[in-house]
Amino acid sequence: MCKSTDPKRALFAELAAVARALGHEHRVELLEHLAQGERSVEALARLTGLSMANASQHLQQLRRAGLLDARRDGKFVLYRLADDGIVQLMSVLRQTAERNIATVGALLARYFDGRDGLEPIGRADLVERAQAGLVTVIDVRPREEFDLGHVPGAVSVPLEELDARLAELDPATEIVAYCRGAYCLLAVEAVARLRAKGFSARRMEDGMPEWRAAGLPVAAG
């Protein structure tokens, strides 16, 4: 806690504490997973490949900075984002980096643009086209994330099941895939596979956390 007698300096110190909490790639990755919904330390360690101790340490730093809340459920501690403003904060961070850091642009070109040459579909456009029955929306995240919250009307088709379930998809209707966020490769891979099989497919811009943060309807279960 800042001990400065200058109130503005004290406020800046608190803002700097939030910035420091974001200053590690593992903590940014943990925030992406928590943007999908509440999770235990054990689940987050498994998803990120971190040890339990390491994941717990990073989560505690994020919580001290006011970015996470936590509750105890039996022997488990469950973490969640403090509010949807954290998703907006991460979006601003991403957009700033894309505009101003050349390395970010190069990585995007290598891993995203090189595999998906079509412009992602925006949320407003997707809502309009889905309501008109012009697209089939698929959620390619793991089923447990789909159950925590998904785009209304979306079909759960986890990426690892996609090839086996192609017969369920109408080749005459455009397919829109979405996943965890703007940098999630699940939707990119799904679109690539679908196009290779002759389907018309695009990915949604951003992902489920941004959809929820925009105040759009969310279905669960």
Protein backbone atom coordinates (compact mmCIF):
# COMPACT_ATOMS: atom_id res chain seq x y z
CA MET A 1 0.00 0.00 0.00
CA CYS A 2 1.29 3.46 -0.92
CA LYS A 3 2.26 5.69 2.05
CA SER A 4 2.56 8.92 0.05
CA THR A 5 0.83 11.99 1.50
CA ASP A 6 0.12 13.19 -2.05
CA PRO A 7 -3.32 11.70 -2.90
CA LYS A 8 -2.66 11.76 -6.65
CA ARG A 9 0.68 10.03 -6.17
CA ALA A 10 -1.06 7.45 -3.98
CA LEU A 11 -3.65 6.79 -6.69
CA PHE A 12 -0.92 6.41 -9.31
CA ALA A 13 0.80 3.90 -7.05
CA GLU A 14 -2.36 1.79 -6.91
CA LEU A 15 -2.71 1.95 -10.70
CA ALA A 16 0.90 0.85 -11.01
CA ALA A 17 0.14 -2.15 -8.77
CA VAL A 18 -2.53 -3.28 -11.25
CA ALA A 19 -0.08 -2.83 -14.12
CA ARG A 20 2.55 -4.90 -12.29
CA ALA A 21 0.01 -7.68 -11.78
CA LEU A 22 -0.49 -7.84 -15.55
CA GLY A 23 3.26 -7.90 -16.15
CA HIS A 24 3.71 -11.65 -16.63
CA GLU A 25 2.62 -13.89 -19.50
CA HIS A 26 1.35 -16.60 -17.14
CA ARG A 27 -0.94 -14.15 -15.38
CA VAL A 28 -2.32 -12.89 -18.69
CA GLU A 29 -2.98 -16.50 -19.71
CA LEU A 30 -4.72 -17.21 -16.41
CA LEU A 31 -6.98 -14.21 -16.98
CA GLU A 32 -7.93 -15.57 -20.41
CA HIS A 33 -9.01 -18.88 -18.87
CA LEU A 34 -10.87 -17.17 -16.03
CA ALA A 35 -12.70 -15.01 -18.56
CA GLN A 36 -14.49 -18.22 -19.60
CA GLY A 37 -15.83 -18.73 -16.07
CA GLU A 38 -14.99 -19.63 -12.49
CA ARG A 39 -12.24 -22.25 -12.04
CA SER A 40 -10.25 -23.94 -9.32
CA VAL A 41 -6.51 -23.64 -8.88
CA GLU A 42 -6.21 -27.29 -9.88
CA ALA A 43 -8.08 -26.74 -13.16
CA LEU A 44 -6.08 -23.64 -13.99
CA ALA A 45 -2.78 -25.40 -13.30
CA ARG A 46 -3.83 -28.19 -15.67
CA LEU A 47 -4.94 -25.80 -18.41
CA THR A 48 -1.78 -23.70 -18.30
CA GLY A 49 0.75 -26.43 -17.58
CA LEU A 50 1.89 -24.65 -14.41
CA SER A 51 2.56 -26.33 -11.11
CA MET A 52 -0.10 -25.90 -8.45
CA ALA A 53 2.23 -23.75 -6.36
CA ASN A 54 3.14 -21.51 -9.30
CA ALA A 55 -0.47 -21.11 -10.46
CA SER A 56 -1.57 -20.29 -6.91
CA GLN A 57 1.15 -17.66 -6.53
CA HIS A 58 0.16 -15.92 -9.76
CA LEU A 59 -3.54 -16.04 -8.84
CA GLN A 60 -2.85 -14.47 -5.46
CA GLN A 61 -0.99 -11.61 -7.11
CA LEU A 62 -3.91 -11.01 -9.45
CA ARG A 63 -6.30 -11.08 -6.51
CA ARG A 64 -4.24 -8.61 -4.48
CA ALA A 65 -4.39 -6.23 -7.44
CA GLY A 66 -8.20 -6.40 -7.42
CA LEU A 67 -8.46 -8.30 -10.70
CA LEU A 68 -9.86 -11.53 -9.21
CA ASP A 69 -12.28 -12.65 -6.55
CA ALA A 70 -12.13 -16.03 -4.82
CA ARG A 71 -14.38 -18.27 -2.76
CA ARG A 72 -13.95 -21.60 -1.02
CA ASP A 73 -16.02 -24.59 -2.08
CA GLY A 74 -15.17 -27.45 0.27
CA LYS A 75 -11.46 -28.13 -0.09
CA PHE A 76 -11.21 -26.14 -3.35
CA VAL A 77 -10.56 -22.43 -3.85
CA LEU A 78 -12.41 -21.11 -6.89
CA TYR A 79 -11.28 -17.96 -8.70
CA ARG A 80 -13.23 -15.68 -11.01
CA LEU A 81 -12.75 -12.27 -12.64
CA ALA A 82 -13.65 -9.39 -10.34
CA ASP A 83 -15.98 -8.00 -13.04
CA ASP A 84 -16.41 -7.75 -16.81
CA GLY A 85 -14.28 -4.62 -16.82
CA ILE A 86 -11.25 -6.93 -16.62
CA VAL A 87 -12.15 -8.26 -20.08
CA GLN A 88 -12.32 -4.70 -21.38
CA LEU A 89 -8.96 -3.93 -19.77
CA MET A 90 -7.40 -6.92 -21.54
CA SER A 91 -8.95 -5.82 -24.85
CA VAL A 92 -7.45 -2.35 -24.50
CA LEU A 93 -4.07 -3.90 -23.65
CA ARG A 94 -4.27 -6.13 -26.72
CA GLN A 95 -5.32 -3.33 -29.07
CA THR A 96 -2.58 -1.02 -27.77
CA ALA A 97 0.06 -3.69 -28.30
CA GLU A 98 -1.22 -4.47 -31.81
CA ARG A 99 -1.05 -0.80 -32.80
CA ASN A 100 2.31 0.05 -31.29
CA ILE A 101 4.53 -3.02 -31.02
CA ALA A 102 5.94 -4.40 -34.25
CA THR A 103 6.60 -7.83 -32.75
CA VAL A 104 2.91 -8.28 -32.00
CA GLY A 105 2.02 -7.54 -35.61
CA ALA A 106 4.59 -10.04 -36.83
CA LEU A 107 3.24 -12.75 -34.52
CA LEU A 108 -0.32 -12.11 -35.64
CA ALA A 109 0.71 -12.31 -39.28
CA ARG A 110 2.54 -15.58 -38.69
CA TYR A 111 0.01 -17.42 -36.56
CA PHE A 112 -3.34 -15.90 -37.51
CA ASP A 113 -3.35 -14.01 -40.80
CA GLY A 114 -1.32 -16.72 -42.49
CA ARG A 115 -3.97 -19.32 -41.66
CA ASP A 116 -7.10 -17.23 -41.92
CA GLY A 117 -7.16 -14.72 -44.76
CA LEU A 118 -10.82 -13.74 -44.29
CA GLU A 119 -11.92 -10.88 -42.07
CA PRO A 120 -13.53 -12.21 -38.85
CA ILE A 121 -17.23 -11.50 -38.51
CA GLY A 122 -18.16 -8.79 -36.02
CA ARG A 123 -20.53 -9.38 -33.12
CA ALA A 124 -23.31 -7.12 -34.40
CA ASP A 125 -23.17 -8.69 -37.85
CA LEU A 126 -23.22 -12.16 -36.33
CA VAL A 127 -26.31 -11.37 -34.23
CA GLU A 128 -28.14 -10.11 -37.32
CA ARG A 129 -27.16 -13.06 -39.50
CA ALA A 130 -27.89 -15.63 -36.78
CA GLN A 131 -31.36 -14.18 -36.16
CA ALA A 132 -32.04 -14.40 -39.90
CA GLY A 133 -30.94 -18.05 -39.94
CA LEU A 134 -28.09 -17.34 -42.34
CA VAL A 135 -25.31 -18.91 -40.29
CA THR A 136 -24.62 -21.86 -38.01
CA VAL A 137 -22.65 -20.81 -34.94
CA ILE A 138 -20.33 -23.37 -33.36
CA ASP A 139 -18.48 -23.09 -30.06
CA VAL A 140 -15.20 -24.98 -30.38
CA ARG A 141 -14.08 -24.59 -26.76
CA PRO A 142 -14.13 -27.59 -24.40
CA ARG A 143 -17.67 -28.57 -23.39
CA GLU A 144 -17.19 -27.44 -19.78
CA GLU A 145 -16.51 -23.89 -20.99
CA PHE A 146 -19.57 -24.01 -23.26
CA ASP A 147 -21.69 -25.00 -20.25
CA LEU A 148 -20.42 -21.99 -18.29
CA GLY A 149 -21.80 -19.63 -20.93
CA HIS A 150 -22.17 -19.49 -24.70
CA VAL A 151 -23.70 -17.55 -27.58
CA PRO A 152 -27.44 -18.33 -27.67
CA GLY A 153 -28.18 -20.87 -30.36
CA ALA A 154 -24.56 -21.95 -30.68
CA VAL A 155 -23.77 -25.65 -31.01
CA SER A 156 -21.01 -27.14 -28.87
CA VAL A 157 -18.47 -28.76 -31.19
CA PRO A 158 -15.15 -29.00 -29.32
CA LEU A 159 -12.27 -28.84 -31.76
CA GLU A 160 -11.20 -32.41 -31.06
CA GLU A 161 -14.71 -33.59 -32.11
CA LEU A 162 -15.02 -31.47 -35.23
CA ASP A 163 -13.78 -33.98 -37.83
CA ALA A 164 -16.08 -36.71 -36.51
CA ARG A 165 -19.13 -34.43 -36.51
CA LEU A 166 -18.92 -32.80 -39.93
CA ALA A 167 -22.04 -34.68 -41.03
CA GLU A 168 -24.05 -32.65 -38.50
CA LEU A 169 -23.20 -29.39 -40.30
CA ASP A 170 -25.10 -28.08 -43.33
CA PRO A 171 -22.62 -27.42 -46.17
CA ALA A 172 -25.10 -24.94 -47.69
CA THR A 173 -24.97 -22.64 -44.64
CA GLU A 174 -22.03 -20.50 -43.60
CA ILE A 175 -20.46 -21.61 -40.33
CA VAL A 176 -19.10 -19.17 -37.77
CA ALA A 177 -16.74 -20.57 -35.13
CA TYR A 178 -15.70 -18.87 -31.91
CA CYS A 179 -13.58 -19.75 -28.89
CA ARG A 180 -11.89 -18.09 -25.90
CA GLY A 181 -10.81 -14.74 -27.29
CA ALA A 182 -9.00 -12.82 -29.98
CA TYR A 183 -5.80 -14.87 -29.64
CA CYS A 184 -7.41 -18.28 -29.23
CA LEU A 185 -6.26 -20.63 -31.99
CA LEU A 186 -9.14 -23.10 -31.58
CA ALA A 187 -11.46 -21.13 -33.90
CA VAL A 188 -8.66 -20.49 -36.40
CA GLU A 189 -7.94 -24.23 -36.60
CA ALA A 190 -11.65 -25.07 -36.85
CA VAL A 191 -12.16 -22.65 -39.74
CA ALA A 192 -9.10 -24.04 -41.55
CA ARG A 193 -10.41 -27.61 -41.21
CA LEU A 194 -13.91 -26.66 -42.34
CA ARG A 195 -12.68 -24.83 -45.42
CA ALA A 196 -10.47 -27.79 -46.31
CA LYS A 197 -13.66 -29.91 -46.34
CA GLY A 198 -15.50 -27.48 -48.62
CA PHE A 199 -17.51 -25.56 -46.01
CA SER A 200 -17.92 -21.78 -46.04
CA ALA A 201 -16.54 -20.81 -42.65
CA ARG A 202 -15.38 -17.74 -40.74
CA ARG A 203 -14.45 -17.02 -37.16
CA MET A 204 -16.05 -14.48 -34.87
CA GLU A 205 -13.95 -11.53 -33.83
CA ASP A 206 -12.79 -11.82 -30.23
CA GLY A 207 -14.49 -14.58 -28.23
CA MET A 208 -17.02 -15.43 -25.56
CA PRO A 209 -15.60 -13.12 -22.85
CA GLU A 210 -15.84 -10.08 -25.13
CA TRP A 211 -19.35 -11.13 -26.18
CA ARG A 212 -20.42 -11.23 -22.52
CA ALA A 213 -18.64 -7.96 -21.67
CA ALA A 214 -20.47 -6.25 -24.54
CA GLY A 215 -23.77 -6.96 -22.77
CA LEU A 216 -24.99 -9.44 -25.38
CA PRO A 217 -27.22 -12.34 -24.30
CA VAL A 218 -25.51 -15.41 -22.87
CA ALA A 219 -26.96 -18.91 -22.58
CA ALA A 220 -25.71 -21.45 -20.05
CA GLY A 221 -25.88 -25.20 -19.59
